[in-house]
PDB file of N, CA and C in Angstrom:
ATOM      1  N   UNK A   1       8.400 -24.589   3.784  1.00  0.00           N
ATOM      2  CA  UNK A   1       8.098 -22.981   3.579  1.00  0.00           C
ATOM      3  C   UNK A   1       9.534 -22.976   3.076  1.00  0.00           C
ATOM      4  N   UNK A   2       8.927 -21.409   2.584  1.00  0.00           N
ATOM      5  CA  UNK A   2      10.126 -20.606   1.420  1.00  0.00           C
ATOM      6  C   UNK A   2      10.834 -19.883   2.851  1.00  0.00           C
ATOM      7  N   UNK A   3      12.172 -19.534   2.939  1.00  0.00           N
ATOM      8  CA  UNK A   3      13.025 -18.875   3.827  1.00  0.00           C
ATOM      9  C   UNK A   3      13.014 -16.892   3.175  1.00  0.00           C
ATOM     10  N   UNK A   4      13.453 -16.433   3.972  1.00  0.00           N
ATOM     11  CA  UNK A   4      13.165 -15.072   3.577  1.00  0.00           C
ATOM     12  C   UNK A   4      14.732 -14.577   4.427  1.00  0.00           C
ATOM     13  N   UNK A   5      15.233 -12.766   3.663  1.00  0.00           N
ATOM     14  CA  UNK A   5      16.244 -12.589   4.506  1.00  0.00           C
ATOM     15  C   UNK A   5      15.896 -11.026   5.189  1.00  0.00           C
ATOM     16  N   UNK A   6      15.944 -11.400   6.141  1.00  0.00           N
ATOM     17  CA  UNK A   6      15.391  -9.884   7.505  1.00  0.00           C
ATOM     18  C   UNK A   6      16.519  -8.659   6.471  1.00  0.00           C
ATOM     19  N   UNK A   7      16.296  -7.722   7.578  1.00  0.00           N
ATOM     20  CA  UNK A   7      16.941  -6.578   6.799  1.00  0.00           C
ATOM     21  C   UNK A   7      17.960  -6.434   7.753  1.00  0.00           C
ATOM     22  N   UNK A   8      18.355  -7.144   8.175  1.00  0.00           N
ATOM     23  CA  UNK A   8      19.576  -7.129   8.729  1.00  0.00           C
ATOM     24  C   UNK A   8      20.859  -8.104   8.238  1.00  0.00           C
ATOM     25  N   UNK A   9      20.459  -8.088   6.847  1.00  0.00           N
ATOM     26  CA  UNK A   9      21.615  -8.312   5.909  1.00  0.00           C
ATOM     27  C   UNK A   9      22.477  -7.332   5.497  1.00  0.00           C
ATOM     28  N   UNK A  10      23.622  -7.728   5.632  1.00  0.00           N
ATOM     29  CA  UNK A  10      24.930  -6.589   4.894  1.00  0.00           C
ATOM     30  C   UNK A  10      25.259  -6.923   3.648  1.00  0.00           C
ATOM     31  N   UNK A  11      24.290  -7.642   2.887  1.00  0.00           N
ATOM     32  CA  UNK A  11      24.508  -7.494   1.590  1.00  0.00           C
ATOM     33  C   UNK A  11      26.018  -8.221   1.152  1.00  0.00           C
ATOM     34  N   UNK A  12      26.470  -9.359   1.992  1.00  0.00           N
ATOM     35  CA  UNK A  12      27.945  -9.740   1.755  1.00  0.00           C
ATOM     36  C   UNK A  12      27.834 -10.461   0.392  1.00  0.00           C
ATOM     37  N   UNK A  13      27.060 -10.919  -0.164  1.00  0.00           N
ATOM     38  CA  UNK A  13      27.358 -11.318  -1.706  1.00  0.00           C
ATOM     39  C   UNK A  13      27.449 -13.027  -1.412  1.00  0.00           C
ATOM     40  N   UNK A  14      27.157 -13.348  -0.258  1.00  0.00           N
ATOM     41  CA  UNK A  14      27.669 -14.933  -0.184  1.00  0.00           C
ATOM     42  C   UNK A  14      26.409 -16.334  -0.161  1.00  0.00           C
ATOM     43  N   UNK A  15      25.519 -15.648   0.074  1.00  0.00           N
ATOM     44  CA  UNK A  15      24.282 -16.493  -0.299  1.00  0.00           C
ATOM     45  C   UNK A  15      23.371 -16.654  -1.539  1.00  0.00           C
ATOM     46  N   UNK A  16      23.736 -15.949  -2.598  1.00  0.00           N
ATOM     47  CA  UNK A  16      22.935 -15.780  -4.024  1.00  0.00           C
ATOM     48  C   UNK A  16      24.180 -17.096  -4.657  1.00  0.00           C
ATOM     49  N   UNK A  17      25.487 -17.382  -4.696  1.00  0.00           N
ATOM     50  CA  UNK A  17      26.144 -18.113  -5.501  1.00  0.00           C
ATOM     51  C   UNK A  17      25.357 -19.436  -5.093  1.00  0.00           C
ATOM     52  N   UNK A  18      25.098 -19.878  -3.653  1.00  0.00           N
ATOM     53  CA  UNK A  18      25.320 -21.215  -3.579  1.00  0.00           C
ATOM     54  C   UNK A  18      23.651 -21.582  -3.589  1.00  0.00           C
ATOM     55  N   UNK A  19      22.796 -20.589  -3.658  1.00  0.00           N
ATOM     56  CA  UNK A  19      21.636 -20.996  -4.158  1.00  0.00           C
ATOM     57  C   UNK A  19      21.240 -21.980  -5.361  1.00  0.00           C
ATOM     58  N   UNK A  20      21.221 -22.915  -5.342  1.00  0.00           N
ATOM     59  CA  UNK A  20      21.100 -24.126  -6.835  1.00  0.00           C
ATOM     60  C   UNK A  20      19.665 -23.927  -7.208  1.00  0.00           C
ATOM     61  N   UNK A  21      18.574 -23.310  -6.977  1.00  0.00           N
ATOM     62  CA  UNK A  21      17.199 -22.755  -7.559  1.00  0.00           C
ATOM     63  C   UNK A  21      17.872 -21.380  -8.292  1.00  0.00           C
ATOM     64  N   UNK A  22      18.241 -20.828  -7.520  1.00  0.00           N
ATOM     65  CA  UNK A  22      18.416 -19.220  -8.635  1.00  0.00           C
ATOM     66  C   UNK A  22      16.998 -18.957  -7.513  1.00  0.00           C
ATOM     67  N   UNK A  23      16.718 -18.711  -6.365  1.00  0.00           N
ATOM     68  CA  UNK A  23      15.883 -18.020  -5.207  1.00  0.00           C
ATOM     69  C   UNK A  23      16.174 -17.025  -4.813  1.00  0.00           C
ATOM     70  N   UNK A  24      17.248 -16.662  -4.780  1.00  0.00           N
ATOM     71  CA  UNK A  24      18.249 -15.457  -4.184  1.00  0.00           C
ATOM     72  C   UNK A  24      18.637 -14.138  -5.358  1.00  0.00           C
ATOM     73  N   UNK A  25      17.931 -12.985  -5.081  1.00  0.00           N
ATOM     74  CA  UNK A  25      18.778 -12.164  -5.660  1.00  0.00           C
ATOM     75  C   UNK A  25      18.778 -10.625  -4.791  1.00  0.00           C
ATOM     76  N   UNK A  26      19.281  -9.479  -5.045  1.00  0.00           N
ATOM     77  CA  UNK A  26      19.370  -8.702  -5.079  1.00  0.00           C
ATOM     78  C   UNK A  26      18.173  -7.646  -5.124  1.00  0.00           C
ATOM     79  N   UNK A  27      17.693  -7.234  -3.833  1.00  0.00           N
ATOM     80  CA  UNK A  27      16.536  -6.556  -4.000  1.00  0.00           C
ATOM     81  C   UNK A  27      17.054  -5.207  -3.522  1.00  0.00           C
ATOM     82  N   UNK A  28      15.899  -4.234  -3.267  1.00  0.00           N
ATOM     83  CA  UNK A  28      16.035  -2.377  -3.212  1.00  0.00           C
ATOM     84  C   UNK A  28      16.634  -2.308  -2.135  1.00  0.00           C
ATOM     85  N   UNK A  29      16.994  -3.505  -1.025  1.00  0.00           N
ATOM     86  CA  UNK A  29      17.923  -2.637   0.596  1.00  0.00           C
ATOM     87  C   UNK A  29      19.101  -4.084   0.391  1.00  0.00           C
ATOM     88  N   UNK A  30      18.475  -5.061   0.375  1.00  0.00           N
ATOM     89  CA  UNK A  30      19.021  -6.511   0.592  1.00  0.00           C
ATOM     90  C   UNK A  30      18.642  -7.511  -0.097  1.00  0.00           C
ATOM     91  N   UNK A  31      18.850  -8.638  -0.033  1.00  0.00           N
ATOM     92  CA  UNK A  31      18.405  -9.765  -0.851  1.00  0.00           C
ATOM     93  C   UNK A  31      17.459 -10.258  -0.202  1.00  0.00           C
ATOM     94  N   UNK A  32      17.038 -10.895  -1.503  1.00  0.00           N
ATOM     95  CA  UNK A  32      15.448 -11.362  -1.282  1.00  0.00           C
ATOM     96  C   UNK A  32      15.290 -12.708  -1.719  1.00  0.00           C
ATOM     97  N   UNK A  33      14.779 -13.379  -1.420  1.00  0.00           N
ATOM     98  CA  UNK A  33      14.384 -14.944  -1.638  1.00  0.00           C
ATOM     99  C   UNK A  33      13.031 -15.352  -1.898  1.00  0.00           C
ATOM    100  N   UNK A  34      13.071 -15.163  -3.532  1.00  0.00           N
ATOM    101  CA  UNK A  34      11.638 -15.603  -4.142  1.00  0.00           C
ATOM    102  C   UNK A  34      11.125 -17.464  -3.756  1.00  0.00           C
ATOM    103  N   UNK A  35       9.419 -16.844  -3.218  1.00  0.00           N
ATOM    104  CA  UNK A  35       9.178 -17.930  -2.602  1.00  0.00           C
ATOM    105  C   UNK A  35       8.768 -19.537  -3.483  1.00  0.00           C
ATOM    106  N   UNK A  36       8.638 -18.359  -4.880  1.00  0.00           N
ATOM    107  CA  UNK A  36       8.273 -19.510  -5.548  1.00  0.00           C
ATOM    108  C   UNK A  36       9.501 -20.595  -6.360  1.00  0.00           C
ATOM    109  N   UNK A  37      10.500 -20.064  -5.638  1.00  0.00           N
ATOM    110  CA  UNK A  37      11.723 -20.898  -6.332  1.00  0.00           C
ATOM    111  C   UNK A  37      12.676 -21.521  -5.260  1.00  0.00           C
ATOM    112  N   UNK A  38      12.108 -21.177  -3.824  1.00  0.00           N
ATOM    113  CA  UNK A  38      12.693 -21.807  -2.868  1.00  0.00           C
ATOM    114  C   UNK A  38      12.444 -22.601  -2.369  1.00  0.00           C
ATOM    115  N   UNK A  39      13.473 -24.056  -2.259  1.00  0.00           N
ATOM    116  CA  UNK A  39      12.749 -25.191  -1.655  1.00  0.00           C
ATOM    117  C   UNK A  39      13.681 -25.541  -0.927  1.00  0.00           C
ATOM    118  N   UNK A  40      14.132 -24.506   0.103  1.00  0.00           N
ATOM    119  CA  UNK A  40      15.216 -24.930   1.451  1.00  0.00           C
ATOM    120  C   UNK A  40      15.903 -25.813   1.037  1.00  0.00           C
ATOM    121  N   UNK A  41      16.573 -25.950  -0.258  1.00  0.00           N
ATOM    122  CA  UNK A  41      17.814 -26.770  -0.899  1.00  0.00           C
ATOM    123  C   UNK A  41      17.236 -28.323  -0.782  1.00  0.00           C
ATOM    124  N   UNK A  42      16.142 -28.770  -0.469  1.00  0.00           N
ATOM    125  CA  UNK A  42      15.695 -30.101  -0.573  1.00  0.00           C
ATOM    126  C   UNK A  42      15.378 -30.307  -2.225  1.00  0.00           C
ATOM    127  N   UNK A  43      16.192 -31.808  -2.051  1.00  0.00           N
ATOM    128  CA  UNK A  43      16.376 -32.346  -3.380  1.00  0.00           C
ATOM    129  C   UNK A  43      17.803 -32.050  -3.746  1.00  0.00           C
ATOM    130  N   UNK A  44      18.492 -30.656  -3.277  1.00  0.00           N
ATOM    131  CA  UNK A  44      20.187 -30.730  -3.312  1.00  0.00           C
ATOM    132  C   UNK A  44      21.022 -30.984  -2.483  1.00  0.00           C
ATOM    133  N   UNK A  45      20.188 -30.548  -1.392  1.00  0.00           N
ATOM    134  CA  UNK A  45      21.224 -30.277  -0.301  1.00  0.00           C
ATOM    135  C   UNK A  45      20.460 -30.700   1.223  1.00  0.00           C
ATOM    136  N   UNK A  46      21.271 -31.282   2.212  1.00  0.00           N
ATOM    137  CA  UNK A  46      20.617 -31.785   3.393  1.00  0.00           C
ATOM    138  C   UNK A  46      20.209 -30.647   4.131  1.00  0.00           C
ATOM    139  N   UNK A  47      20.641 -29.208   3.937  1.00  0.00           N
ATOM    140  CA  UNK A  47      20.175 -28.253   4.987  1.00  0.00           C
ATOM    141  C   UNK A  47      20.539 -26.992   3.687  1.00  0.00           C
ATOM    142  N   UNK A  48      19.889 -25.801   4.151  1.00  0.00           N
ATOM    143  CA  UNK A  48      19.576 -25.270   3.285  1.00  0.00           C
ATOM    144  C   UNK A  48      21.035 -24.479   3.010  1.00  0.00           C
ATOM    145  N   UNK A  49      21.547 -23.918   1.904  1.00  0.00           N
ATOM    146  CA  UNK A  49      22.698 -23.491   1.833  1.00  0.00           C
ATOM    147  C   UNK A  49      23.086 -22.341   2.497  1.00  0.00           C
ATOM    148  N   UNK A  50      22.103 -21.045   1.879  1.00  0.00           N
ATOM    149  CA  UNK A  50      22.217 -19.895   1.865  1.00  0.00           C
ATOM    150  C   UNK A  50      22.302 -19.844   3.389  1.00  0.00           C
ATOM    151  N   UNK A  51      21.486 -20.323   4.304  1.00  0.00           N
ATOM    152  CA  UNK A  51      21.415 -20.492   5.948  1.00  0.00           C
ATOM    153  C   UNK A  51      22.775 -20.618   6.453  1.00  0.00           C
ATOM    154  N   UNK A  52      23.583 -21.881   6.096  1.00  0.00           N
ATOM    155  CA  UNK A  52      24.793 -22.313   5.984  1.00  0.00           C
ATOM    156  C   UNK A  52      25.666 -21.038   6.055  1.00  0.00           C
ATOM    157  N   UNK A  53      26.105 -20.348   5.201  1.00  0.00           N
ATOM    158  CA  UNK A  53      26.636 -19.401   4.543  1.00  0.00           C
ATOM    159  C   UNK A  53      26.548 -18.269   5.186  1.00  0.00           C
ATOM    160  N   UNK A  54      25.486 -17.819   5.624  1.00  0.00           N
ATOM    161  CA  UNK A  54      25.539 -16.418   6.333  1.00  0.00           C
ATOM    162  C   UNK A  54      26.285 -16.229   7.298  1.00  0.00           C
ATOM    163  N   UNK A  55      26.678 -15.161   7.561  1.00  0.00           N
ATOM    164  CA  UNK A  55      27.953 -14.854   8.419  1.00  0.00           C
ATOM    165  C   UNK A  55      26.891 -13.719   9.393  1.00  0.00           C
ATOM    166  N   UNK A  56      25.520 -13.426   9.233  1.00  0.00           N
ATOM    167  CA  UNK A  56      25.070 -12.717  10.435  1.00  0.00           C
ATOM    168  C   UNK A  56      23.805 -13.173  10.565  1.00  0.00           C
ATOM    169  N   UNK A  57      23.382 -14.838  10.207  1.00  0.00           N
ATOM    170  CA  UNK A  57      22.335 -15.595  10.464  1.00  0.00           C
ATOM    171  C   UNK A  57      21.109 -14.410  10.274  1.00  0.00           C
ATOM    172  N   UNK A  58      20.873 -14.125   9.175  1.00  0.00           N
ATOM    173  CA  UNK A  58      19.496 -13.266   9.112  1.00  0.00           C
ATOM    174  C   UNK A  58      18.317 -13.842   7.875  1.00  0.00           C
ATOM    175  N   UNK A  59      18.694 -15.089   7.761  1.00  0.00           N
ATOM    176  CA  UNK A  59      17.612 -16.046   7.039  1.00  0.00           C
ATOM    177  C   UNK A  59      17.219 -17.063   7.746  1.00  0.00           C
ATOM    178  N   UNK A  60      15.684 -16.821   7.807  1.00  0.00           N
ATOM    179  CA  UNK A  60      14.462 -17.271   8.680  1.00  0.00           C
ATOM    180  C   UNK A  60      13.792 -18.046   7.247  1.00  0.00           C
ATOM    181  N   UNK A  61      13.188 -18.877   8.290  1.00  0.00           N
ATOM    182  CA  UNK A  61      11.855 -19.796   7.842  1.00  0.00           C
ATOM    183  C   UNK A  61      11.114 -18.479   7.489  1.00  0.00           C
ATOM    184  N   UNK A  62      10.032 -18.318   6.181  1.00  0.00           N
ATOM    185  CA  UNK A  62       8.849 -17.499   6.334  1.00  0.00           C
ATOM    186  C   UNK A  62       7.904 -17.728   6.655  1.00  0.00           C
ATOM    187  N   UNK A  63       7.235 -17.416   7.467  1.00  0.00           N
ATOM    188  CA  UNK A  63       5.728 -17.835   8.229  1.00  0.00           C
ATOM    189  C   UNK A  63       4.614 -17.743   7.108  1.00  0.00           C
ATOM    190  N   UNK A  64       5.046 -16.682   6.178  1.00  0.00           N
ATOM    191  CA  UNK A  64       3.590 -16.458   5.134  1.00  0.00           C
ATOM    192  C   UNK A  64       4.145 -17.430   4.157  1.00  0.00           C
ATOM    193  N   UNK A  65       5.072 -18.269   4.215  1.00  0.00           N
ATOM    194  CA  UNK A  65       4.606 -19.150   2.845  1.00  0.00           C
ATOM    195  C   UNK A  65       4.881 -20.530   3.541  1.00  0.00           C
ATOM    196  N   UNK A  66       4.004 -21.002   3.929  1.00  0.00           N
ATOM    197  CA  UNK A  66       4.456 -22.657   4.715  1.00  0.00           C
ATOM    198  C   UNK A  66       4.223 -23.322   3.447  1.00  0.00           C
ATOM    199  N   UNK A  67       4.719 -24.347   3.976  1.00  0.00           N
ATOM    200  CA  UNK A  67       4.939 -25.589   2.831  1.00  0.00           C
ATOM    201  C   UNK A  67       5.451 -26.560   3.521  1.00  0.00           C
ATOM    202  N   UNK A  68       5.238 -27.855   3.019  1.00  0.00           N
ATOM    203  CA  UNK A  68       5.399 -29.055   4.210  1.00  0.00           C
ATOM    204  C   UNK A  68       6.574 -29.695   2.923  1.00  0.00           C
ATOM    205  N   UNK A  69       7.388 -30.314   3.841  1.00  0.00           N
ATOM    206  CA  UNK A  69       8.026 -31.344   2.792  1.00  0.00           C
ATOM    207  C   UNK A  69       7.551 -31.906   1.585  1.00  0.00           C
ATOM    208  N   UNK A  70       6.789 -32.526   1.635  1.00  0.00           N
ATOM    209  CA  UNK A  70       5.880 -33.106   0.165  1.00  0.00           C
ATOM    210  C   UNK A  70       5.810 -31.978  -0.731  1.00  0.00           C
ATOM    211  N   UNK A  71       5.430 -30.859   0.236  1.00  0.00           N
ATOM    212  CA  UNK A  71       5.242 -29.602  -1.531  1.00  0.00           C
ATOM    213  C   UNK A  71       6.398 -28.990  -2.041  1.00  0.00           C
ATOM    214  N   UNK A  72       7.547 -29.264  -0.819  1.00  0.00           N
ATOM    215  CA  UNK A  72       8.980 -28.718  -1.329  1.00  0.00           C
ATOM    216  C   UNK A  72       9.765 -29.573  -2.459  1.00  0.00           C
ATOM    217  N   UNK A  73       9.031 -30.558  -1.914  1.00  0.00           N
ATOM    218  CA  UNK A  73       9.820 -32.219  -2.647  1.00  0.00           C
ATOM    219  C   UNK A  73       9.434 -31.984  -4.353  1.00  0.00           C
ATOM    220  N   UNK A  74       8.132 -31.700  -4.101  1.00  0.00           N
ATOM    221  CA  UNK A  74       7.333 -31.271  -5.413  1.00  0.00           C
ATOM    222  C   UNK A  74       7.850 -30.431  -6.306  1.00  0.00           C
ATOM    223  N   UNK A  75       8.201 -29.214  -5.306  1.00  0.00           N
ATOM    224  CA  UNK A  75       8.548 -28.073  -6.195  1.00  0.00           C
ATOM    225  C   UNK A  75       9.405 -28.337  -6.837  1.00  0.00           C
ATOM    226  N   UNK A  76      10.639 -29.052  -5.859  1.00  0.00           N
ATOM    227  CA  UNK A  76      12.251 -29.203  -6.390  1.00  0.00           C
ATOM    228  C   UNK A  76      11.637 -30.063  -7.839  1.00  0.00           C
ATOM    229  N   UNK A  77      10.760 -31.005  -7.928  1.00  0.00           N
ATOM    230  CA  UNK A  77      10.967 -31.822  -8.943  1.00  0.00           C
ATOM    231  C   UNK A  77      10.416 -31.004 -10.045  1.00  0.00           C
ATOM    232  N   UNK A  78       9.579 -30.016 -10.073  1.00  0.00           N
ATOM    233  CA  UNK A  78       9.139 -29.062 -11.059  1.00  0.00           C
ATOM    234  C   UNK A  78       9.517 -28.592 -11.530  1.00  0.00           C
ATOM    235  N   UNK A  79      11.121 -27.878 -10.691  1.00  0.00           N
ATOM    236  CA  UNK A  79      11.855 -26.343 -11.099  1.00  0.00           C
ATOM    237  C   UNK A  79      12.684 -27.597 -11.687  1.00  0.00           C
ATOM    238  N   UNK A  80      13.137 -28.871 -11.260  1.00  0.00           N
ATOM    239  CA  UNK A  80      14.477 -29.414 -11.931  1.00  0.00           C
ATOM    240  C   UNK A  80      14.274 -30.407 -13.232  1.00  0.00           C
ATOM    241  N   UNK A  81      12.866 -30.911 -12.848  1.00  0.00           N
ATOM    242  CA  UNK A  81      12.721 -32.052 -13.694  1.00  0.00           C
ATOM    243  C   UNK A  81      12.950 -33.196 -13.712  1.00  0.00           C
ATOM    244  N   UNK A  82      13.027 -33.823 -12.502  1.00  0.00           N
ATOM    245  CA  UNK A  82      13.683 -34.729 -11.424  1.00  0.00           C
ATOM    246  C   UNK A  82      12.418 -34.981 -11.111  1.00  0.00           C
ATOM    247  N   UNK A  83      12.543 -36.948 -11.419  1.00  0.00           N
ATOM    248  CA  UNK A  83      11.481 -37.907 -11.133  1.00  0.00           C
ATOM    249  C   UNK A  83      11.440 -38.078  -9.784  1.00  0.00           C
ATOM    250  N   UNK A  84       9.723 -38.650  -9.326  1.00  0.00           N
ATOM    251  CA  UNK A  84      10.286 -39.154  -8.123  1.00  0.00           C
ATOM    252  C   UNK A  84      11.077 -40.239  -7.999  1.00  0.00           C
TER     253      UNK A  84
END
């Protein structure tokens, strides 16, 4: 599953630089996460880094982009060129 940022985001700028896939960017109102780039940090870290640093806890699993761990691992491999 990809993650998403709710409108509770305070635009504190801490999530964007910790995303290893560059999936987070400034949206019209709050930061957004590109589902095609989000792997929930699988392949990079044990836990999503954006969730770890978010001071207002506004980053959640996106129910509209359900993906299995295997799918996220494949996405990580595709994005980084890593081999299984």
